N, C-alpha and C. Protein backbone atom coordinates (compact mmCIF):
# COMPACT_ATOMS: atom_id res chain seq x y z
N UNK A 1 0.83 -1.19 0.00
CA UNK A 1 0.00 0.00 0.00
C UNK A 1 0.88 1.25 0.00
N UNK A 2 0.48 2.24 -0.78
CA UNK A 2 1.28 3.46 -0.85
C UNK A 2 0.95 4.38 0.33
N UNK A 3 1.82 5.32 0.55
CA UNK A 3 1.62 6.29 1.62
C UNK A 3 0.55 7.30 1.23
N UNK A 4 -0.17 7.85 2.20
CA UNK A 4 -1.25 8.79 1.86
C UNK A 4 -0.76 10.06 1.15
N UNK A 5 0.50 10.42 1.37
CA UNK A 5 1.03 11.64 0.74
C UNK A 5 1.48 11.42 -0.70
N UNK A 6 1.25 10.20 -1.22
CA UNK A 6 1.54 9.94 -2.64
C UNK A 6 0.26 9.58 -3.39
N UNK A 7 -0.88 9.94 -2.86
CA UNK A 7 -2.19 9.63 -3.44
C UNK A 7 -2.31 10.22 -4.85
N UNK A 8 -2.46 9.39 -5.87
CA UNK A 8 -2.55 9.89 -7.24
C UNK A 8 -3.71 10.86 -7.45
N UNK A 9 -4.81 10.68 -6.76
CA UNK A 9 -5.94 11.60 -6.91
C UNK A 9 -5.59 13.00 -6.39
N UNK A 10 -4.87 13.05 -5.28
CA UNK A 10 -4.44 14.36 -4.73
C UNK A 10 -3.44 15.02 -5.67
N UNK A 11 -2.51 14.22 -6.18
CA UNK A 11 -1.51 14.75 -7.12
C UNK A 11 -2.22 15.30 -8.36
N UNK A 12 -3.13 14.53 -8.89
CA UNK A 12 -3.89 14.94 -10.08
C UNK A 12 -4.63 16.26 -9.81
N UNK A 13 -5.28 16.35 -8.64
CA UNK A 13 -6.03 17.56 -8.29
C UNK A 13 -5.11 18.77 -8.18
N UNK A 14 -3.98 18.61 -7.49
CA UNK A 14 -3.05 19.73 -7.32
C UNK A 14 -2.52 20.20 -8.68
N UNK A 15 -2.11 19.26 -9.51
CA UNK A 15 -1.57 19.64 -10.82
C UNK A 15 -2.61 20.33 -11.69
N UNK A 16 -3.87 19.92 -11.58
CA UNK A 16 -4.92 20.50 -12.42
C UNK A 16 -5.48 21.81 -11.85
N UNK A 17 -5.66 21.87 -10.54
CA UNK A 17 -6.42 22.97 -9.94
C UNK A 17 -5.59 24.09 -9.32
N UNK A 18 -4.34 23.85 -9.04
CA UNK A 18 -3.50 24.88 -8.43
C UNK A 18 -2.79 25.67 -9.52
N UNK A 19 -3.14 26.93 -9.64
CA UNK A 19 -2.59 27.76 -10.70
C UNK A 19 -1.39 28.60 -10.27
N UNK A 20 -1.37 29.05 -9.02
CA UNK A 20 -0.27 29.88 -8.52
C UNK A 20 0.56 29.06 -7.55
N UNK A 21 1.84 28.87 -7.90
CA UNK A 21 2.74 28.02 -7.12
C UNK A 21 3.86 28.88 -6.52
N UNK A 22 3.90 28.98 -5.20
CA UNK A 22 5.04 29.59 -4.52
C UNK A 22 6.12 28.52 -4.42
N UNK A 23 7.29 28.81 -4.95
CA UNK A 23 8.37 27.82 -4.99
C UNK A 23 9.43 28.24 -3.97
N UNK A 24 9.39 27.59 -2.80
CA UNK A 24 10.30 27.90 -1.71
C UNK A 24 11.68 27.33 -2.04
N UNK A 25 12.68 28.22 -2.02
CA UNK A 25 14.04 27.82 -2.36
C UNK A 25 14.42 28.18 -3.78
N UNK A 26 13.50 28.85 -4.50
CA UNK A 26 13.77 29.24 -5.89
C UNK A 26 14.53 30.56 -5.92
N UNK A 27 15.82 30.45 -6.20
CA UNK A 27 16.67 31.62 -6.36
C UNK A 27 17.10 31.74 -7.81
N UNK A 28 18.12 32.55 -8.03
CA UNK A 28 18.54 32.82 -9.42
C UNK A 28 19.61 31.86 -9.94
N UNK A 29 19.87 30.75 -9.24
CA UNK A 29 20.86 29.78 -9.69
C UNK A 29 20.20 28.80 -10.66
N UNK A 30 20.54 28.87 -11.95
CA UNK A 30 19.88 28.02 -12.95
C UNK A 30 20.26 26.54 -12.84
N UNK A 31 21.23 26.22 -12.00
CA UNK A 31 21.66 24.82 -11.86
C UNK A 31 20.93 24.09 -10.74
N UNK A 32 20.08 24.77 -10.01
CA UNK A 32 19.34 24.15 -8.91
C UNK A 32 18.05 23.52 -9.44
N UNK A 33 17.63 22.40 -8.87
CA UNK A 33 16.39 21.75 -9.32
C UNK A 33 15.17 22.67 -9.28
N UNK A 34 15.08 23.53 -8.28
CA UNK A 34 13.92 24.43 -8.18
C UNK A 34 13.79 25.30 -9.43
N UNK A 35 14.91 25.69 -9.99
CA UNK A 35 14.90 26.54 -11.18
C UNK A 35 14.27 25.81 -12.36
N UNK A 36 14.65 24.55 -12.54
CA UNK A 36 14.13 23.77 -13.66
C UNK A 36 12.65 23.41 -13.44
N UNK A 37 12.28 23.05 -12.23
CA UNK A 37 10.88 22.70 -11.96
C UNK A 37 9.99 23.93 -12.14
N UNK A 38 10.43 25.08 -11.68
CA UNK A 38 9.64 26.30 -11.85
C UNK A 38 9.44 26.62 -13.33
N UNK A 39 10.48 26.46 -14.12
CA UNK A 39 10.37 26.70 -15.56
C UNK A 39 9.35 25.74 -16.17
N UNK A 40 9.38 24.48 -15.77
CA UNK A 40 8.42 23.48 -16.25
C UNK A 40 6.99 23.89 -15.90
N UNK A 41 6.78 24.28 -14.66
CA UNK A 41 5.43 24.69 -14.23
C UNK A 41 4.95 25.88 -15.06
N UNK A 42 5.85 26.84 -15.25
CA UNK A 42 5.49 28.02 -16.06
C UNK A 42 5.12 27.62 -17.48
N UNK A 43 5.88 26.70 -18.06
CA UNK A 43 5.60 26.25 -19.42
C UNK A 43 4.26 25.53 -19.52
N UNK A 44 3.75 25.06 -18.38
CA UNK A 44 2.47 24.37 -18.35
C UNK A 44 1.35 25.26 -17.79
N UNK A 45 1.55 26.57 -17.90
CA UNK A 45 0.50 27.52 -17.59
C UNK A 45 0.36 27.93 -16.14
N UNK A 46 1.30 27.54 -15.31
CA UNK A 46 1.23 27.91 -13.90
C UNK A 46 1.98 29.22 -13.65
N UNK A 47 1.48 30.02 -12.72
CA UNK A 47 2.20 31.20 -12.28
C UNK A 47 3.13 30.76 -11.16
N UNK A 48 4.40 31.09 -11.27
CA UNK A 48 5.34 30.72 -10.23
C UNK A 48 5.72 31.98 -9.44
N UNK A 49 5.98 31.77 -8.15
CA UNK A 49 6.36 32.86 -7.26
C UNK A 49 7.62 32.42 -6.53
N UNK A 50 8.77 33.01 -6.87
CA UNK A 50 10.01 32.64 -6.18
C UNK A 50 9.95 33.07 -4.71
N UNK A 51 10.32 32.15 -3.82
CA UNK A 51 10.42 32.46 -2.39
C UNK A 51 11.82 32.06 -1.95
N UNK A 52 12.61 33.06 -1.64
CA UNK A 52 14.02 32.85 -1.31
C UNK A 52 14.49 34.08 -0.53
N UNK A 53 15.39 33.90 0.43
CA UNK A 53 15.86 35.07 1.18
C UNK A 53 16.40 36.20 0.30
N UNK A 54 16.95 35.86 -0.87
CA UNK A 54 17.47 36.90 -1.77
C UNK A 54 16.37 37.63 -2.52
N UNK A 55 15.14 37.07 -2.52
CA UNK A 55 13.99 37.66 -3.21
C UNK A 55 14.31 38.04 -4.65
N UNK A 56 15.06 37.20 -5.33
CA UNK A 56 15.46 37.48 -6.72
C UNK A 56 14.29 37.28 -7.68
N UNK A 57 14.32 38.02 -8.77
CA UNK A 57 13.38 37.79 -9.86
C UNK A 57 13.86 36.58 -10.65
N UNK A 58 12.98 35.61 -10.86
CA UNK A 58 13.34 34.38 -11.55
C UNK A 58 12.26 34.09 -12.60
N UNK A 59 12.68 33.74 -13.79
CA UNK A 59 11.75 33.44 -14.89
C UNK A 59 10.75 34.59 -15.08
N UNK A 60 11.24 35.82 -14.87
CA UNK A 60 10.40 37.00 -15.07
C UNK A 60 9.44 37.31 -13.94
N UNK A 61 9.46 36.53 -12.88
CA UNK A 61 8.54 36.74 -11.75
C UNK A 61 9.31 37.29 -10.55
N UNK A 62 8.82 38.39 -9.95
CA UNK A 62 9.51 38.94 -8.79
C UNK A 62 9.46 37.98 -7.61
N UNK A 63 10.56 37.93 -6.86
CA UNK A 63 10.65 37.04 -5.72
C UNK A 63 10.27 37.72 -4.42
N UNK A 64 10.01 36.90 -3.43
CA UNK A 64 9.68 37.36 -2.09
C UNK A 64 10.55 36.61 -1.10
N UNK A 65 10.94 37.29 -0.01
CA UNK A 65 11.82 36.68 0.98
C UNK A 65 11.13 35.58 1.77
N UNK A 66 9.83 35.73 2.01
CA UNK A 66 9.08 34.74 2.78
C UNK A 66 7.70 34.54 2.15
N UNK A 67 7.04 33.45 2.53
CA UNK A 67 5.67 33.21 2.07
C UNK A 67 4.75 34.32 2.55
N UNK A 68 4.95 34.79 3.77
CA UNK A 68 4.09 35.84 4.33
C UNK A 68 4.20 37.16 3.58
N UNK A 69 5.29 37.36 2.84
CA UNK A 69 5.48 38.60 2.08
C UNK A 69 4.69 38.63 0.78
N UNK A 70 4.17 37.51 0.33
CA UNK A 70 3.45 37.46 -0.95
C UNK A 70 2.10 38.17 -0.78
N UNK A 71 1.86 39.22 -1.58
CA UNK A 71 0.65 40.03 -1.37
C UNK A 71 -0.59 39.54 -2.13
N UNK A 72 -0.60 38.30 -2.55
CA UNK A 72 -1.76 37.75 -3.27
C UNK A 72 -1.87 36.28 -2.90
N UNK A 73 -2.96 35.66 -3.31
CA UNK A 73 -3.21 34.27 -2.96
C UNK A 73 -2.28 33.29 -3.65
N UNK A 74 -1.97 32.23 -2.95
CA UNK A 74 -1.12 31.15 -3.47
C UNK A 74 -1.93 29.86 -3.37
N UNK A 75 -1.93 29.08 -4.45
CA UNK A 75 -2.65 27.81 -4.44
C UNK A 75 -1.81 26.69 -3.85
N UNK A 76 -0.55 26.58 -4.28
CA UNK A 76 0.32 25.49 -3.84
C UNK A 76 1.67 26.05 -3.41
N UNK A 77 2.19 25.54 -2.32
CA UNK A 77 3.54 25.88 -1.86
C UNK A 77 4.41 24.67 -2.13
N UNK A 78 5.36 24.83 -3.05
CA UNK A 78 6.27 23.77 -3.48
C UNK A 78 7.60 24.00 -2.77
N UNK A 79 8.02 23.04 -1.95
CA UNK A 79 9.16 23.25 -1.04
C UNK A 79 10.41 22.50 -1.51
N UNK A 80 11.45 23.29 -1.78
CA UNK A 80 12.78 22.78 -2.11
C UNK A 80 13.71 23.15 -0.96
N UNK A 81 13.61 22.43 0.13
CA UNK A 81 14.48 22.64 1.29
C UNK A 81 14.85 21.28 1.85
N UNK A 82 15.92 21.26 2.62
CA UNK A 82 16.32 20.01 3.29
C UNK A 82 15.17 19.53 4.17
N UNK A 83 15.11 18.23 4.39
CA UNK A 83 14.02 17.66 5.17
C UNK A 83 13.95 18.27 6.58
N UNK A 84 15.10 18.59 7.17
CA UNK A 84 15.08 19.14 8.52
C UNK A 84 14.63 20.60 8.57
N UNK A 85 14.48 21.24 7.42
CA UNK A 85 14.03 22.63 7.37
C UNK A 85 12.67 22.78 6.67
N UNK A 86 12.12 21.70 6.16
CA UNK A 86 10.91 21.80 5.33
C UNK A 86 9.62 21.98 6.12
N UNK A 87 9.50 21.30 7.26
CA UNK A 87 8.25 21.28 8.01
C UNK A 87 7.61 22.63 8.28
N UNK A 88 8.37 23.63 8.73
CA UNK A 88 7.76 24.94 9.00
C UNK A 88 7.09 25.57 7.77
N UNK A 89 7.53 25.20 6.58
CA UNK A 89 6.90 25.76 5.39
C UNK A 89 5.49 25.22 5.18
N UNK A 90 5.23 24.00 5.65
CA UNK A 90 3.86 23.48 5.61
C UNK A 90 2.97 24.32 6.52
N UNK A 91 3.49 24.66 7.70
CA UNK A 91 2.73 25.50 8.63
C UNK A 91 2.50 26.90 8.05
N UNK A 92 3.52 27.45 7.41
CA UNK A 92 3.39 28.77 6.79
C UNK A 92 2.39 28.73 5.63
N UNK A 93 2.38 27.62 4.90
CA UNK A 93 1.42 27.47 3.80
C UNK A 93 -0.01 27.51 4.34
N UNK A 94 -0.24 26.81 5.45
CA UNK A 94 -1.55 26.84 6.10
C UNK A 94 -1.88 28.28 6.52
N UNK A 95 -0.90 28.96 7.11
CA UNK A 95 -1.12 30.32 7.63
C UNK A 95 -1.49 31.31 6.53
N UNK A 96 -0.95 31.13 5.31
CA UNK A 96 -1.27 32.08 4.23
C UNK A 96 -2.50 31.65 3.43
N UNK A 97 -3.10 30.53 3.80
CA UNK A 97 -4.32 30.09 3.13
C UNK A 97 -4.09 29.32 1.84
N UNK A 98 -2.91 28.72 1.67
CA UNK A 98 -2.66 27.91 0.47
C UNK A 98 -3.60 26.70 0.47
N UNK A 99 -3.89 26.22 -0.71
CA UNK A 99 -4.77 25.05 -0.86
C UNK A 99 -4.00 23.74 -0.80
N UNK A 100 -2.68 23.79 -1.06
CA UNK A 100 -1.89 22.56 -1.11
C UNK A 100 -0.44 22.86 -0.77
N UNK A 101 0.25 21.80 -0.32
CA UNK A 101 1.69 21.84 -0.07
C UNK A 101 2.30 20.67 -0.82
N UNK A 102 3.46 20.92 -1.44
CA UNK A 102 4.15 19.88 -2.19
C UNK A 102 5.59 19.85 -1.71
N UNK A 103 6.01 18.73 -1.10
CA UNK A 103 7.41 18.53 -0.72
C UNK A 103 8.06 17.71 -1.81
N UNK A 104 9.22 18.14 -2.25
CA UNK A 104 9.91 17.51 -3.37
C UNK A 104 10.50 16.15 -2.99
N UNK A 105 11.14 15.52 -3.96
CA UNK A 105 11.72 14.18 -3.78
C UNK A 105 12.60 14.10 -2.54
N UNK A 106 12.44 13.03 -1.81
CA UNK A 106 13.22 12.71 -0.60
C UNK A 106 12.88 13.60 0.58
N UNK A 107 11.85 14.42 0.47
CA UNK A 107 11.44 15.25 1.60
C UNK A 107 10.16 14.67 2.18
N UNK A 108 10.30 14.05 3.36
CA UNK A 108 9.16 13.46 4.05
C UNK A 108 9.19 13.93 5.50
N UNK A 109 8.11 14.56 5.92
CA UNK A 109 7.96 15.01 7.31
C UNK A 109 6.53 14.66 7.71
N UNK A 110 6.37 13.50 8.36
CA UNK A 110 5.03 13.02 8.69
C UNK A 110 4.29 13.97 9.62
N UNK A 111 4.99 14.59 10.55
CA UNK A 111 4.33 15.52 11.47
C UNK A 111 3.80 16.74 10.71
N UNK A 112 4.58 17.24 9.75
CA UNK A 112 4.12 18.37 8.94
C UNK A 112 2.91 17.96 8.10
N UNK A 113 2.95 16.75 7.57
CA UNK A 113 1.82 16.23 6.78
C UNK A 113 0.56 16.19 7.64
N UNK A 114 0.69 15.68 8.84
CA UNK A 114 -0.48 15.60 9.74
C UNK A 114 -1.02 16.98 10.08
N UNK A 115 -0.14 17.93 10.37
CA UNK A 115 -0.59 19.29 10.71
C UNK A 115 -1.31 19.93 9.52
N UNK A 116 -0.72 19.81 8.33
CA UNK A 116 -1.32 20.44 7.15
C UNK A 116 -2.66 19.82 6.80
N UNK A 117 -2.72 18.50 6.77
CA UNK A 117 -3.97 17.86 6.37
C UNK A 117 -5.06 18.04 7.42
N UNK A 118 -4.68 18.07 8.71
CA UNK A 118 -5.67 18.35 9.75
C UNK A 118 -6.24 19.75 9.61
N UNK A 119 -5.44 20.66 9.04
CA UNK A 119 -5.90 22.04 8.80
C UNK A 119 -6.68 22.15 7.49
N UNK A 120 -6.86 21.03 6.78
CA UNK A 120 -7.64 21.03 5.55
C UNK A 120 -6.85 21.33 4.30
N UNK A 121 -5.53 21.27 4.38
CA UNK A 121 -4.68 21.55 3.23
C UNK A 121 -4.15 20.22 2.68
N UNK A 122 -4.35 19.99 1.38
CA UNK A 122 -3.83 18.78 0.75
C UNK A 122 -2.31 18.85 0.70
N UNK A 123 -1.68 17.69 0.84
CA UNK A 123 -0.22 17.68 0.84
C UNK A 123 0.32 16.44 0.14
N UNK A 124 1.36 16.67 -0.65
CA UNK A 124 2.08 15.62 -1.36
C UNK A 124 3.53 15.70 -0.89
N UNK A 125 4.16 14.55 -0.68
CA UNK A 125 5.58 14.53 -0.29
C UNK A 125 6.32 13.48 -1.12
N UNK A 126 7.62 13.71 -1.25
CA UNK A 126 8.50 12.77 -1.94
C UNK A 126 8.10 12.56 -3.39
N UNK A 127 7.66 13.62 -4.03
CA UNK A 127 7.26 13.57 -5.44
C UNK A 127 7.74 14.86 -6.13
N UNK A 128 7.83 14.80 -7.45
CA UNK A 128 8.21 15.97 -8.25
C UNK A 128 7.14 16.19 -9.31
N UNK A 129 6.64 17.42 -9.44
CA UNK A 129 5.60 17.66 -10.44
C UNK A 129 6.05 17.36 -11.87
N UNK A 130 7.33 17.54 -12.15
CA UNK A 130 7.83 17.26 -13.50
C UNK A 130 7.70 15.76 -13.80
N UNK A 131 7.98 14.93 -12.82
CA UNK A 131 7.90 13.48 -13.00
C UNK A 131 6.44 13.02 -13.04
N UNK A 132 5.60 13.63 -12.21
CA UNK A 132 4.20 13.21 -12.11
C UNK A 132 3.34 13.71 -13.27
N UNK A 133 3.72 14.81 -13.88
CA UNK A 133 2.88 15.45 -14.90
C UNK A 133 2.50 14.53 -16.07
N UNK A 134 3.43 13.77 -16.65
CA UNK A 134 3.06 12.97 -17.83
C UNK A 134 1.91 11.98 -17.57
N UNK A 135 1.80 11.45 -16.36
CA UNK A 135 0.74 10.49 -16.08
C UNK A 135 -0.45 11.08 -15.33
N UNK A 136 -0.20 12.13 -14.52
CA UNK A 136 -1.27 12.65 -13.66
C UNK A 136 -1.63 14.11 -13.93
N UNK A 137 -0.86 14.79 -14.77
CA UNK A 137 -1.14 16.19 -15.06
C UNK A 137 -2.31 16.33 -16.00
N UNK A 138 -2.89 17.54 -16.04
CA UNK A 138 -4.01 17.76 -16.95
C UNK A 138 -3.60 17.64 -18.40
N UNK A 139 -4.52 17.25 -19.27
CA UNK A 139 -4.18 17.14 -20.70
C UNK A 139 -3.83 18.51 -21.27
N UNK A 140 -2.99 18.50 -22.26
CA UNK A 140 -2.54 19.76 -22.89
C UNK A 140 -3.66 20.41 -23.66
């Protein structure tokens, strides 16, 4: 049996219904995975919002130092941080009213998952939208 945070129906829903993605850890380094995933999301019609202490503009979108600094609604918070630093971003996603949280490959924090889902926020962990899109993403 698969883990609840890899539920294909939740992944399908997030990929189809979440239009604005705050990408935590997205800076101006083009060699980082966050940079490539954000570009992919943008190419598939998603608005990306860089969230990084440097608040750099990435892929033409202005960055913000924190999730709380974003002055508009966010549908999904996509987290590119080490597992020991990722959990608080699930809590911040709940605090800003995000509809979903996505932890990237190898990032699993069961306590953060429980807090987010108990607050009514869908959450996916240990997955990458680029990898999931071909089978679970919306049709072109």
